[in-house]
C-alpha cells in the first residue's frame, strides 16, 4: 500500500477532488478561455488579411500561430482543466479512461462557446469578412478529401496528445512543445488542403456565428474518425489508459496537487538592490548572531 501511494495525494479524500463540483466552474472557464484564445489566433489571421488586403499576416504565420498559442495555453493553464481546447481530445481522453465521461458535455459546450465568442469579438472589431476565418476545403479539393485529410491530421495530433500525457516519455510540462509543435507543422503543410483545423470547435464555432455551413460535416466527422484511430494506436503502443500520469494530464491537478489558495506567506523585497540577506531563522536572538526584537532583553544591560 505504501508503494502504491507514491505520487498520489497524501489524503485519501484528495484523490477524488476532481469530482468536487466546487472546482468545476474554474475548469469550465479554463476551457472556454483557452479555446477563445486559440480561435482568436486561428480565425483572426484570415480575417485580418481579408480586411487589410495582401499578406499582412503571412501564410506561414497563420499556420504556426495556433500551435504557438496552444503551447502557451497548456503551459499557463493546463493544470486547471487539462487544456483540451478540442472536443475530440476530451472524447479521446474519456475513451482511454483518463477522463470521466460525465465531464465531457460541459467541456465541449465550453469549447464551442469559446470559439463562438472569439469569432463574435473579431467581427465586432474588424467586421465580418465573408468566409474568411472558416476552415474550408482548398481550391479543387472535394469535401470527402478534406474529411480524409482532417482525419489523418487529427490522428497524428491526438496521438501526440495521448502519448505525451501517458508519462512514458517523462516529458511533464514539455508536452506543450510536442503538441504545439505538431499543430504548427500540420498547419504548414495541411492548411492548403483542408485548413488543418483538427478541431470541431474551431470550425463549427465560427460557422455558427458567420452562418456559413459549407462542408461543416467534414470538420466534425474527420477529426472524430482521426481521434478514434489515435485511441486505437495508443492501445497498441501503451495498453490501457487510466494511469496516474494520464489522468493528471487529462484532468489537470486542480484540487489534487494544488488548491486555488495563496501559496506561502508574502515576503518583503529588499530595501535596496544588492542588499538582500538571507532571512533569519525563527527565534534568532543575540546568542545566535541576530538582533533581539524590540522590547525583549530589557534590563540585560550591565548584567
Protein backbone atom coordinates (compact mmCIF):
# COMPACT_ATOMS: atom_id res chain seq x y z
CA UNK A 1 0.00 0.00 0.00
CA UNK A 2 2.88 2.37 0.76
CA UNK A 3 4.42 1.79 -2.67
CA UNK A 4 1.08 2.27 -4.39
CA UNK A 5 0.60 5.62 -2.66
CA UNK A 6 3.80 7.10 -4.14
CA UNK A 7 2.91 10.08 -6.34
CA UNK A 8 -0.66 10.26 -5.07
CA UNK A 9 -2.19 12.89 -2.80
CA UNK A 10 -1.47 12.26 0.88
CA UNK A 11 -5.11 12.23 1.92
CA UNK A 12 -7.36 9.51 0.52
CA UNK A 13 -10.16 12.06 0.05
CA UNK A 14 -7.90 14.28 -2.09
CA UNK A 15 -7.78 11.58 -4.78
CA UNK A 16 -11.39 12.33 -5.63
CA UNK A 17 -11.24 16.12 -5.67
CA UNK A 18 -11.64 16.18 -9.45
CA UNK A 19 -15.22 15.16 -8.76
CA UNK A 20 -15.64 18.13 -6.41
CA UNK A 21 -18.18 20.39 -8.08
CA UNK A 22 -16.82 23.46 -6.29
CA UNK A 23 -13.88 23.49 -8.75
CA UNK A 24 -15.96 22.82 -11.83
CA UNK A 25 -16.57 26.43 -12.81
CA UNK A 26 -12.80 27.04 -12.85
CA UNK A 27 -12.24 24.10 -15.19
CA UNK A 28 -15.09 25.14 -17.48
CA UNK A 29 -13.84 28.72 -17.59
CA UNK A 30 -10.35 27.44 -18.38
CA UNK A 31 -11.65 25.51 -21.40
CA UNK A 32 -13.76 28.43 -22.57
CA UNK A 33 -10.95 30.97 -22.20
CA UNK A 34 -8.32 28.69 -23.72
CA UNK A 35 -10.43 27.89 -26.78
CA UNK A 36 -11.28 31.59 -27.08
CA UNK A 37 -7.58 32.48 -27.29
CA UNK A 38 -6.88 29.69 -29.77
CA UNK A 39 -9.70 30.76 -32.11
CA UNK A 40 -8.73 34.44 -31.91
CA UNK A 41 -5.39 33.45 -33.43
CA UNK A 42 -6.66 30.75 -35.82
CA UNK A 43 -9.57 32.77 -37.19
CA UNK A 44 -8.08 36.23 -36.78
CA UNK A 45 -5.23 35.74 -39.25
CA UNK A 46 -7.52 35.14 -42.23
CA UNK A 47 -9.93 37.88 -41.25
CA UNK A 48 -7.15 40.45 -40.82
CA UNK A 49 -5.71 39.55 -44.24
CA UNK A 50 -9.09 39.98 -45.90
CA UNK A 51 -9.77 43.24 -44.08
CA UNK A 52 -6.45 44.90 -44.95
CA UNK A 53 -5.59 43.05 -48.15
CA UNK A 54 -2.45 41.27 -49.27
CA UNK A 55 -0.47 39.11 -46.89
CA UNK A 56 -0.45 41.30 -43.80
CA UNK A 57 -0.32 38.06 -41.84
CA UNK A 58 1.87 35.71 -43.93
CA UNK A 59 0.67 32.19 -44.62
CA UNK A 60 3.38 30.52 -42.50
CA UNK A 61 2.47 32.78 -39.57
CA UNK A 62 -1.18 31.78 -39.88
CA UNK A 63 -0.16 28.12 -39.83
CA UNK A 64 2.29 28.37 -36.93
CA UNK A 65 0.28 30.84 -34.81
CA UNK A 66 -2.32 28.37 -33.47
CA UNK A 67 0.40 25.91 -32.46
CA UNK A 68 2.31 28.56 -30.52
CA UNK A 69 -0.90 29.69 -28.82
CA UNK A 70 -1.79 26.11 -27.80
CA UNK A 71 1.72 25.71 -26.41
CA UNK A 72 1.28 28.83 -24.28
CA UNK A 73 -2.20 27.80 -23.09
CA UNK A 74 -1.02 24.35 -21.98
CA UNK A 75 1.88 25.89 -20.07
CA UNK A 76 -0.11 28.53 -18.22
CA UNK A 77 -3.50 26.84 -17.81
CA UNK A 78 -3.11 23.11 -18.40
CA UNK A 79 -3.01 22.31 -14.70
CA UNK A 80 -6.51 23.74 -14.22
CA UNK A 81 -8.54 21.72 -16.73
CA UNK A 82 -6.06 19.71 -18.78
CA UNK A 83 -6.29 22.33 -21.60
CA UNK A 84 -8.18 20.10 -24.03
CA UNK A 85 -9.43 23.02 -26.18
CA UNK A 86 -10.88 20.46 -28.58
CA UNK A 87 -13.98 18.20 -28.32
CA UNK A 88 -12.24 15.20 -29.87
CA UNK A 89 -9.38 15.48 -27.36
CA UNK A 90 -11.90 15.39 -24.50
CA UNK A 91 -13.59 12.36 -26.05
CA UNK A 92 -10.26 10.61 -26.67
CA UNK A 93 -9.19 11.09 -23.05
CA UNK A 94 -12.54 9.67 -21.93
CA UNK A 95 -12.21 6.66 -24.25
CA UNK A 96 -8.77 5.99 -22.76
CA UNK A 97 -10.20 6.06 -19.24
CA UNK A 98 -8.20 9.16 -18.30
CA UNK A 99 -11.21 11.46 -18.07
CA UNK A 100 -14.76 10.92 -16.69
CA UNK A 101 -17.45 10.84 -19.36
CA UNK A 102 -19.83 12.91 -17.27
CA UNK A 103 -17.46 15.88 -17.61
CA UNK A 104 -17.30 15.69 -21.42
CA UNK A 105 -20.56 17.53 -22.33
CA UNK A 106 -19.71 20.63 -20.29
CA UNK A 107 -16.16 20.68 -21.66
CA UNK A 108 -17.44 20.53 -25.23
CA UNK A 109 -20.05 23.22 -24.55
CA UNK A 110 -17.35 25.49 -23.11
CA UNK A 111 -15.07 24.90 -26.10
CA UNK A 112 -17.82 25.71 -28.60
CA UNK A 113 -18.81 28.80 -26.61
CA UNK A 114 -15.20 30.00 -26.52
CA UNK A 115 -14.87 29.59 -30.30
CA UNK A 116 -18.13 31.44 -30.95
CA UNK A 117 -17.22 34.29 -28.58
CA UNK A 118 -13.83 34.71 -30.24
CA UNK A 119 -15.46 34.99 -33.66
CA UNK A 120 -18.02 37.48 -32.37
CA UNK A 121 -15.25 39.62 -30.92
CA UNK A 122 -13.27 39.59 -34.16
CA UNK A 123 -16.35 40.58 -36.15
CA UNK A 124 -17.05 43.36 -33.68
CA UNK A 125 -13.51 44.70 -34.01
CA UNK A 126 -12.84 44.46 -37.75
CA UNK A 127 -16.19 43.49 -39.25
CA UNK A 128 -17.37 40.33 -40.96
CA UNK A 129 -15.10 39.41 -43.86
CA UNK A 130 -17.16 36.98 -45.91
CA UNK A 131 -15.99 33.42 -45.42
CA UNK A 132 -12.59 34.47 -44.01
CA UNK A 133 -11.78 32.59 -40.84
CA UNK A 134 -13.72 29.46 -41.77
CA UNK A 135 -11.98 26.16 -42.39
CA UNK A 136 -12.90 25.14 -45.91
CA UNK A 137 -11.54 22.67 -48.47
CA UNK A 138 -8.77 24.13 -50.60
CA UNK A 139 -9.18 25.06 -54.25
CA UNK A 140 -10.08 21.95 -56.24
CA UNK A 141 -10.35 19.79 -53.09
CA UNK A 142 -13.55 17.82 -52.57
CA UNK A 143 -15.32 17.69 -49.21
CA UNK A 144 -14.54 13.97 -48.91
CA UNK A 145 -10.85 14.63 -49.48
CA UNK A 146 -10.93 17.35 -46.84
CA UNK A 147 -12.61 14.91 -44.45
CA UNK A 148 -9.92 12.29 -45.03
CA UNK A 149 -7.19 14.92 -44.65
CA UNK A 150 -8.66 16.12 -41.35
CA UNK A 151 -8.87 12.52 -40.12
CA UNK A 152 -5.21 11.97 -40.97
CA UNK A 153 -4.00 15.16 -39.30
CA UNK A 154 -6.17 14.63 -36.22
CA UNK A 155 -4.95 11.07 -35.78
CA UNK A 156 -1.44 12.46 -35.51
CA UNK A 157 -2.46 15.29 -33.18
CA UNK A 158 -4.39 13.10 -30.74
CA UNK A 159 -1.59 10.52 -30.81
CA UNK A 160 0.83 13.24 -29.70
CA UNK A 161 -1.59 14.43 -27.01
CA UNK A 162 -2.19 10.94 -25.61
CA UNK A 163 1.46 9.95 -25.90
CA UNK A 164 2.89 12.94 -24.08
CA UNK A 165 0.16 12.63 -21.43
CA UNK A 166 0.94 8.98 -20.71
CA UNK A 167 4.10 9.63 -18.69
CA UNK A 168 6.02 7.08 -20.77
CA UNK A 169 8.20 9.83 -22.21
CA UNK A 170 8.60 11.66 -18.86
CA UNK A 171 8.08 14.97 -20.61
CA UNK A 172 5.98 16.71 -17.97
CA UNK A 173 5.20 20.31 -18.90
CA UNK A 174 7.39 19.99 -22.01
CA UNK A 175 4.44 18.12 -23.56
CA UNK A 176 3.24 21.59 -24.53
CA UNK A 177 6.08 21.84 -27.03
CA UNK A 178 5.19 18.48 -28.58
CA UNK A 179 1.51 19.34 -29.03
CA UNK A 180 2.10 22.93 -30.13
CA UNK A 181 4.88 21.88 -32.48
CA UNK A 182 2.70 19.27 -34.14
CA UNK A 183 -0.12 21.78 -34.71
CA UNK A 184 2.33 24.23 -36.27
CA UNK A 185 3.86 21.61 -38.58
CA UNK A 186 0.47 20.20 -39.58
CA UNK A 187 -0.68 23.71 -40.42
CA UNK A 188 2.32 24.39 -42.62
CA UNK A 189 1.62 21.52 -44.99
CA UNK A 190 -2.05 20.77 -44.27
CA UNK A 191 -3.72 24.18 -44.35
CA UNK A 192 -3.83 24.47 -48.18
CA UNK A 193 -5.76 21.19 -48.40
CA UNK A 194 -8.35 21.41 -45.64
CA UNK A 195 -7.44 24.34 -43.41
CA UNK A 196 -5.80 21.96 -40.89
CA UNK A 197 -8.49 22.53 -38.28
CA UNK A 198 -8.27 19.17 -36.44
CA UNK A 199 -10.80 20.69 -34.03
CA UNK A 200 -14.61 20.74 -34.43
CA UNK A 201 -14.94 23.68 -32.02
CA UNK A 202 -12.50 25.77 -34.06
CA UNK A 203 -14.52 25.03 -37.24
CA UNK A 204 -18.13 24.92 -36.05
CA UNK A 205 -17.97 27.91 -33.69
CA UNK A 206 -17.12 30.38 -36.48
CA UNK A 207 -19.53 28.63 -38.87
CA UNK A 208 -22.34 29.19 -36.37
CA UNK A 209 -21.56 32.88 -35.95
CA UNK A 210 -20.92 33.63 -39.65
CA UNK A 211 -23.80 31.44 -40.80
CA UNK A 212 -21.79 29.57 -43.42
CA UNK A 213 -22.05 25.78 -43.07
CA UNK A 214 -20.11 24.82 -46.20
CA UNK A 215 -18.60 21.32 -45.74
CA UNK A 216 -19.17 21.56 -41.97
CA UNK A 217 -19.70 17.82 -41.59
CA UNK A 218 -16.19 17.09 -42.86
CA UNK A 219 -14.79 19.10 -39.95
CA UNK A 220 -16.89 17.15 -37.48
CA UNK A 221 -16.55 13.60 -38.81
CA UNK A 222 -12.92 13.90 -39.94
CA UNK A 223 -11.49 14.82 -36.51
CA UNK A 224 -13.81 12.30 -34.80
CA UNK A 225 -12.52 9.48 -37.02
CA UNK A 226 -8.93 10.58 -36.51
CA UNK A 227 -9.36 10.64 -32.73
CA UNK A 228 -10.77 7.09 -32.75
CA UNK A 229 -7.79 5.91 -34.78
CA UNK A 230 -5.41 7.61 -32.33
CA UNK A 231 -7.08 5.90 -29.35
CA UNK A 232 -6.56 2.55 -31.09
CA UNK A 233 -2.91 3.40 -31.75
CA UNK A 234 -2.43 4.34 -28.09
CA UNK A 235 -3.91 0.99 -27.05
CA UNK A 236 -1.42 -0.82 -29.29
CA UNK A 237 1.57 1.22 -28.12
CA UNK A 238 0.87 1.52 -24.39
CA UNK A 239 -2.06 -0.70 -23.48
CA UNK A 240 -4.97 0.53 -21.37
CA UNK A 241 -5.10 4.12 -20.13
CA UNK A 242 -6.27 5.38 -16.79
CA UNK A 243 -2.82 5.60 -15.22
CA UNK A 244 -1.71 8.33 -12.84
CA UNK A 245 0.14 10.43 -15.42
CA UNK A 246 -2.64 10.18 -17.99
CA UNK A 247 -5.38 11.17 -15.55
CA UNK A 248 -3.37 14.12 -14.24
CA UNK A 249 -2.69 15.34 -17.77
CA UNK A 250 -6.32 14.92 -18.86
CA UNK A 251 -7.96 16.33 -15.75
CA UNK A 252 -5.42 18.86 -14.56
CA UNK A 253 -4.17 18.88 -10.99
CA UNK A 254 -6.59 21.43 -9.50
CA UNK A 255 -7.83 20.01 -6.22
CA UNK A 256 -5.25 17.24 -6.04
CA UNK A 257 -1.72 18.63 -6.23
CA UNK A 258 -2.71 22.26 -5.68
CA UNK A 259 -5.67 24.29 -4.49
CA UNK A 260 -6.79 27.81 -5.52
CA UNK A 261 -5.45 29.49 -2.41
CA UNK A 262 -2.48 31.73 -1.67
CA UNK A 263 0.75 29.74 -1.57
CA UNK A 264 3.02 30.65 1.32
CA UNK A 265 3.36 33.93 3.14
CA UNK A 266 4.21 37.20 1.38
CA UNK A 267 7.82 38.30 1.75
CA UNK A 268 9.02 41.90 1.58
CA UNK A 269 11.51 42.81 -1.11
CA UNK A 270 14.99 44.02 -0.02
CA UNK A 271 15.20 47.75 0.75
CA UNK A 272 17.81 48.46 -1.93
CA UNK A 273 19.29 46.47 -4.83
CA UNK A 274 22.08 44.15 -3.79
CA UNK A 275 21.25 44.43 -0.10
CA UNK A 276 19.36 41.18 0.17
CA UNK A 277 20.46 38.99 3.05
CA UNK A 278 19.30 35.52 3.92
CA UNK A 279 16.32 35.64 6.33
CA UNK A 280 17.00 34.96 9.99
CA UNK A 281 15.82 31.64 11.29
CA UNK A 282 12.80 31.85 13.62
CA UNK A 283 13.74 32.64 17.21
CA UNK A 284 17.15 34.05 16.35
CA UNK A 285 18.49 36.27 19.11
CA UNK A 286 21.72 37.75 20.41
CA UNK A 287 23.14 34.36 21.20
CA UNK A 288 22.70 33.25 17.61
CA UNK A 289 24.14 36.36 16.00
CA UNK A 290 20.78 38.02 15.41
CA UNK A 291 19.35 41.25 16.78
CA UNK A 292 16.97 40.93 19.72
CA UNK A 293 13.44 42.02 18.91
CA UNK A 294 12.36 45.35 20.31
CA UNK A 295 11.14 45.12 23.88
CA UNK A 296 12.96 41.86 24.60
CA UNK A 297 16.06 41.65 26.77
CA UNK A 298 15.19 44.88 28.60
CA UNK A 299 17.21 45.07 31.81
CA UNK A 300 20.03 42.94 30.43
CA UNK A 301 22.34 45.92 30.27
CA UNK A 302 25.03 45.78 32.89
CA UNK A 303 24.42 42.17 33.74
